Each structure stands twice: as structure tokens, then as C-alpha cells.
């Protein structure tokens, strides 16, 4: 867990990132590629692992 983030916030960011990435994949499957890619990128930026805007 990154320093400076509480356990609850870490879990919330992880859950939000998963929801955004899954929504992005579903959006791509439905044919809206641009919005799907945007949702996946935002999910990766919000998530607590790797590149995080809040860590």
C-alpha cells in the first residue's frame, strides 16, 4: 500500500479503478472504442497501483 493513503481509501480507489476498466471494456465491445479507451485510461490513473493520481 502506498504511503499516505489509508486502507479504506486504497480499497475504494482499487474498486473504482476496476469498475472503470470493466466499463471501458464493455464500452469497447459495444462499439464505442474512443469512450472505452478513455474509461480504461482513467481507471488506470485512478487506481492505487502503478500510476495513481492520488498516491
PDB file of N, CA and C in Angstrom:
ATOM      1  N   UNK A   1       0.840  -1.171   0.000  1.00  0.00           N
ATOM      2  CA  UNK A   1       0.000   0.000   0.000  1.00  0.00           C
ATOM      3  C   UNK A   1       0.892   1.243   0.000  1.00  0.00           C
ATOM      4  N   UNK A   2       0.608   2.209  -0.888  1.00  0.00           N
ATOM      5  CA  UNK A   2       1.428   3.423  -0.920  1.00  0.00           C
ATOM      6  C   UNK A   2       1.329   4.212   0.386  1.00  0.00           C
ATOM      7  N   UNK A   3       2.405   4.875   0.715  1.00  0.00           N
ATOM      8  CA  UNK A   3       2.426   5.674   1.927  1.00  0.00           C
ATOM      9  C   UNK A   3       1.509   6.877   1.779  1.00  0.00           C
ATOM     10  N   UNK A   4       0.809   7.240   2.833  1.00  0.00           N
ATOM     11  CA  UNK A   4      -0.046   8.412   2.807  1.00  0.00           C
ATOM     12  C   UNK A   4      -1.488   8.130   2.440  1.00  0.00           C
ATOM     13  N   UNK A   5      -1.818   6.894   2.107  1.00  0.00           N
ATOM     14  CA  UNK A   5      -3.195   6.540   1.764  1.00  0.00           C
ATOM     15  C   UNK A   5      -3.705   5.551   2.809  1.00  0.00           C
ATOM     16  N   UNK A   6      -4.867   5.860   3.380  1.00  0.00           N
ATOM     17  CA  UNK A   6      -5.446   4.945   4.355  1.00  0.00           C
ATOM     18  C   UNK A   6      -5.920   3.673   3.660  1.00  0.00           C
ATOM     19  N   UNK A   7      -6.123   2.641   4.440  1.00  0.00           N
ATOM     20  CA  UNK A   7      -6.548   1.352   3.897  1.00  0.00           C
ATOM     21  C   UNK A   7      -7.916   1.460   3.216  1.00  0.00           C
ATOM     22  N   UNK A   8      -8.834   2.222   3.810  1.00  0.00           N
ATOM     23  CA  UNK A   8     -10.160   2.386   3.211  1.00  0.00           C
ATOM     24  C   UNK A   8     -10.078   3.118   1.873  1.00  0.00           C
ATOM     25  N   UNK A   9      -9.273   4.158   1.807  1.00  0.00           N
ATOM     26  CA  UNK A   9      -9.122   4.903   0.566  1.00  0.00           C
ATOM     27  C   UNK A   9      -8.458   4.033  -0.503  1.00  0.00           C
ATOM     28  N   UNK A  10      -7.496   3.239  -0.105  1.00  0.00           N
ATOM     29  CA  UNK A  10      -6.824   2.324  -1.025  1.00  0.00           C
ATOM     30  C   UNK A  10      -7.836   1.358  -1.637  1.00  0.00           C
ATOM     31  N   UNK A  11      -8.687   0.773  -0.793  1.00  0.00           N
ATOM     32  CA  UNK A  11      -9.698  -0.169  -1.282  1.00  0.00           C
ATOM     33  C   UNK A  11     -10.716   0.524  -2.182  1.00  0.00           C
ATOM     34  N   UNK A  12     -11.117   1.735  -1.819  1.00  0.00           N
ATOM     35  CA  UNK A  12     -12.074   2.476  -2.619  1.00  0.00           C
ATOM     36  C   UNK A  12     -11.494   2.819  -3.994  1.00  0.00           C
ATOM     37  N   UNK A  13     -10.244   3.257  -4.040  1.00  0.00           N
ATOM     38  CA  UNK A  13      -9.605   3.576  -5.319  1.00  0.00           C
ATOM     39  C   UNK A  13      -9.441   2.330  -6.183  1.00  0.00           C
ATOM     40  N   UNK A  14      -9.105   1.220  -5.551  1.00  0.00           N
ATOM     41  CA  UNK A  14      -8.953  -0.038  -6.290  1.00  0.00           C
ATOM     42  C   UNK A  14     -10.285  -0.459  -6.897  1.00  0.00           C
ATOM     43  N   UNK A  15     -11.358  -0.378  -6.112  1.00  0.00           N
ATOM     44  CA  UNK A  15     -12.680  -0.748  -6.592  1.00  0.00           C
ATOM     45  C   UNK A  15     -13.136   0.176  -7.720  1.00  0.00           C
ATOM     46  N   UNK A  16     -12.922   1.471  -7.574  1.00  0.00           N
ATOM     47  CA  UNK A  16     -13.285   2.428  -8.607  1.00  0.00           C
ATOM     48  C   UNK A  16     -12.506   2.164  -9.901  1.00  0.00           C
ATOM     49  N   UNK A  17     -11.232   1.848  -9.776  1.00  0.00           N
ATOM     50  CA  UNK A  17     -10.413   1.553 -10.951  1.00  0.00           C
ATOM     51  C   UNK A  17     -10.920   0.308 -11.675  1.00  0.00           C
ATOM     52  N   UNK A  18     -11.274  -0.719 -10.920  1.00  0.00           N
ATOM     53  CA  UNK A  18     -11.788  -1.953 -11.531  1.00  0.00           C
ATOM     54  C   UNK A  18     -13.097  -1.673 -12.269  1.00  0.00           C
ATOM     55  N   UNK A  19     -13.983  -0.905 -11.647  1.00  0.00           N
ATOM     56  CA  UNK A  19     -15.263  -0.577 -12.278  1.00  0.00           C
ATOM     57  C   UNK A  19     -15.038   0.202 -13.574  1.00  0.00           C
ATOM     58  N   UNK A  20     -14.131   1.174 -13.554  1.00  0.00           N
ATOM     59  CA  UNK A  20     -13.865   1.964 -14.749  1.00  0.00           C
ATOM     60  C   UNK A  20     -13.271   1.122 -15.877  1.00  0.00           C
ATOM     61  N   UNK A  21     -12.344   0.247 -15.547  1.00  0.00           N
ATOM     62  CA  UNK A  21     -11.717  -0.587 -16.586  1.00  0.00           C
ATOM     63  C   UNK A  21     -12.732  -1.570 -17.171  1.00  0.00           C
ATOM     64  N   UNK A  22     -13.533  -2.190 -16.326  1.00  0.00           N
ATOM     65  CA  UNK A  22     -14.558  -3.115 -16.829  1.00  0.00           C
ATOM     66  C   UNK A  22     -15.571  -2.369 -17.692  1.00  0.00           C
ATOM     67  N   UNK A  23     -15.980  -1.181 -17.251  1.00  0.00           N
ATOM     68  CA  UNK A  23     -16.907  -0.377 -18.049  1.00  0.00           C
ATOM     69  C   UNK A  23     -16.271  -0.010 -19.391  1.00  0.00           C
ATOM     70  N   UNK A  24     -14.973   0.269 -19.393  1.00  0.00           N
ATOM     71  CA  UNK A  24     -14.271   0.566 -20.633  1.00  0.00           C
ATOM     72  C   UNK A  24     -14.256  -0.615 -21.588  1.00  0.00           C
ATOM     73  N   UNK A  25     -14.031  -1.791 -21.055  1.00  0.00           N
ATOM     74  CA  UNK A  25     -14.024  -2.999 -21.893  1.00  0.00           C
ATOM     75  C   UNK A  25     -15.410  -3.253 -22.474  1.00  0.00           C
ATOM     76  N   UNK A  26     -16.434  -3.108 -21.648  1.00  0.00           N
ATOM     77  CA  UNK A  26     -17.808  -3.297 -22.126  1.00  0.00           C
ATOM     78  C   UNK A  26     -18.138  -2.262 -23.196  1.00  0.00           C
ATOM     79  N   UNK A  27     -17.704  -1.041 -23.005  1.00  0.00           N
ATOM     80  CA  UNK A  27     -17.961   0.019 -23.976  1.00  0.00           C
ATOM     81  C   UNK A  27     -17.272  -0.277 -25.306  1.00  0.00           C
ATOM     82  N   UNK A  28     -16.060  -0.795 -25.253  1.00  0.00           N
ATOM     83  CA  UNK A  28     -15.350  -1.161 -26.487  1.00  0.00           C
ATOM     84  C   UNK A  28     -16.091  -2.281 -27.207  1.00  0.00           C
ATOM     85  N   UNK A  29     -16.557  -3.274 -26.451  1.00  0.00           N
ATOM     86  CA  UNK A  29     -17.289  -4.390 -27.062  1.00  0.00           C
ATOM     87  C   UNK A  29     -18.573  -3.893 -27.724  1.00  0.00           C
ATOM     88  N   UNK A  30     -19.187  -2.870 -27.143  1.00  0.00           N
ATOM     89  CA  UNK A  30     -20.426  -2.322 -27.710  1.00  0.00           C
ATOM     90  C   UNK A  30     -20.158  -1.419 -28.908  1.00  0.00           C
ATOM     91  N   UNK A  31     -18.905  -1.162 -29.233  1.00  0.00           N
ATOM     92  CA  UNK A  31     -18.570  -0.442 -30.454  1.00  0.00           C
ATOM     93  C   UNK A  31     -18.108   0.989 -30.273  1.00  0.00           C
ATOM     94  N   UNK A  32     -18.095   1.495 -29.059  1.00  0.00           N
ATOM     95  CA  UNK A  32     -17.657   2.867 -28.833  1.00  0.00           C
ATOM     96  C   UNK A  32     -16.206   2.846 -28.340  1.00  0.00           C
ATOM     97  N   UNK A  33     -15.311   2.710 -29.292  1.00  0.00           N
ATOM     98  CA  UNK A  33     -13.905   2.481 -28.973  1.00  0.00           C
ATOM     99  C   UNK A  33     -13.283   3.666 -28.240  1.00  0.00           C
ATOM    100  N   UNK A  34     -13.547   4.882 -28.675  1.00  0.00           N
ATOM    101  CA  UNK A  34     -12.933   6.051 -28.049  1.00  0.00           C
ATOM    102  C   UNK A  34     -13.312   6.159 -26.573  1.00  0.00           C
ATOM    103  N   UNK A  35     -14.603   6.058 -26.254  1.00  0.00           N
ATOM    104  CA  UNK A  35     -15.024   6.149 -24.853  1.00  0.00           C
ATOM    105  C   UNK A  35     -14.475   4.985 -24.033  1.00  0.00           C
ATOM    106  N   UNK A  36     -14.379   3.805 -24.633  1.00  0.00           N
ATOM    107  CA  UNK A  36     -13.817   2.660 -23.936  1.00  0.00           C
ATOM    108  C   UNK A  36     -12.365   2.875 -23.559  1.00  0.00           C
ATOM    109  N   UNK A  37     -11.598   3.400 -24.487  1.00  0.00           N
ATOM    110  CA  UNK A  37     -10.182   3.671 -24.222  1.00  0.00           C
ATOM    111  C   UNK A  37     -10.044   4.752 -23.149  1.00  0.00           C
ATOM    112  N   UNK A  38     -10.891   5.784 -23.213  1.00  0.00           N
ATOM    113  CA  UNK A  38     -10.856   6.850 -22.205  1.00  0.00           C
ATOM    114  C   UNK A  38     -11.155   6.286 -20.824  1.00  0.00           C
ATOM    115  N   UNK A  39     -12.174   5.445 -20.712  1.00  0.00           N
ATOM    116  CA  UNK A  39     -12.517   4.853 -19.414  1.00  0.00           C
ATOM    117  C   UNK A  39     -11.385   3.983 -18.874  1.00  0.00           C
ATOM    118  N   UNK A  40     -10.744   3.219 -19.731  1.00  0.00           N
ATOM    119  CA  UNK A  40      -9.643   2.370 -19.288  1.00  0.00           C
ATOM    120  C   UNK A  40      -8.468   3.221 -18.813  1.00  0.00           C
ATOM    121  N   UNK A  41      -8.139   4.265 -19.544  1.00  0.00           N
ATOM    122  CA  UNK A  41      -7.027   5.139 -19.139  1.00  0.00           C
ATOM    123  C   UNK A  41      -7.341   5.825 -17.819  1.00  0.00           C
ATOM    124  N   UNK A  42      -8.562   6.325 -17.650  1.00  0.00           N
ATOM    125  CA  UNK A  42      -8.942   6.960 -16.389  1.00  0.00           C
ATOM    126  C   UNK A  42      -8.891   5.938 -15.254  1.00  0.00           C
ATOM    127  N   UNK A  43      -9.324   4.717 -15.511  1.00  0.00           N
ATOM    128  CA  UNK A  43      -9.249   3.665 -14.500  1.00  0.00           C
ATOM    129  C   UNK A  43      -7.820   3.378 -14.075  1.00  0.00           C
ATOM    130  N   UNK A  44      -6.907   3.392 -15.014  1.00  0.00           N
ATOM    131  CA  UNK A  44      -5.502   3.161 -14.683  1.00  0.00           C
ATOM    132  C   UNK A  44      -4.898   4.335 -13.919  1.00  0.00           C
ATOM    133  N   UNK A  45      -5.364   5.557 -14.205  1.00  0.00           N
ATOM    134  CA  UNK A  45      -4.852   6.729 -13.499  1.00  0.00           C
ATOM    135  C   UNK A  45      -5.412   6.838 -12.080  1.00  0.00           C
ATOM    136  N   UNK A  46      -6.635   6.391 -11.874  1.00  0.00           N
ATOM    137  CA  UNK A  46      -7.273   6.489 -10.564  1.00  0.00           C
ATOM    138  C   UNK A  46      -6.808   5.364  -9.646  1.00  0.00           C
ATOM    139  N   UNK A  47      -6.521   4.220 -10.197  1.00  0.00           N
ATOM    140  CA  UNK A  47      -6.169   3.046  -9.393  1.00  0.00           C
ATOM    141  C   UNK A  47      -4.964   3.268  -8.503  1.00  0.00           C
ATOM    142  N   UNK A  48      -4.948   2.603  -7.354  1.00  0.00           N
ATOM    143  CA  UNK A  48      -3.863   2.797  -6.402  1.00  0.00           C
ATOM    144  C   UNK A  48      -2.550   2.147  -6.792  1.00  0.00           C
ATOM    145  N   UNK A  49      -2.571   1.201  -7.689  1.00  0.00           N
ATOM    146  CA  UNK A  49      -1.338   0.534  -8.100  1.00  0.00           C
ATOM    147  C   UNK A  49      -0.756   1.182  -9.342  1.00  0.00           C
ATOM    148  N   UNK A  50       0.526   1.152  -9.496  1.00  0.00           N
ATOM    149  CA  UNK A  50       1.154   1.703 -10.691  1.00  0.00           C
ATOM    150  C   UNK A  50       1.048   3.218 -10.743  1.00  0.00           C
ATOM    151  N   UNK A  51       0.406   3.728 -11.760  1.00  0.00           N
ATOM    152  CA  UNK A  51       0.264   5.164 -11.946  1.00  0.00           C
ATOM    153  C   UNK A  51      -1.014   5.605 -11.250  1.00  0.00           C
ATOM    154  N   UNK A  52      -0.905   6.352 -10.180  1.00  0.00           N
ATOM    155  CA  UNK A  52      -2.092   6.813  -9.462  1.00  0.00           C
ATOM    156  C   UNK A  52      -2.021   8.319  -9.267  1.00  0.00           C
ATOM    157  N   UNK A  53      -3.119   8.980  -9.532  1.00  0.00           N
ATOM    158  CA  UNK A  53      -3.179  10.425  -9.346  1.00  0.00           C
ATOM    159  C   UNK A  53      -3.236  10.794  -7.869  1.00  0.00           C
ATOM    160  N   UNK A  54      -3.647   9.861  -7.007  1.00  0.00           N
ATOM    161  CA  UNK A  54      -3.863  10.157  -5.603  1.00  0.00           C
ATOM    162  C   UNK A  54      -2.784   9.599  -4.679  1.00  0.00           C
ATOM    163  N   UNK A  55      -1.813   8.889  -5.231  1.00  0.00           N
ATOM    164  CA  UNK A  55      -0.778   8.296  -4.368  1.00  0.00           C
ATOM    165  C   UNK A  55       0.358   9.246  -4.131  1.00  0.00           C
TER     166      UNK A  55
END
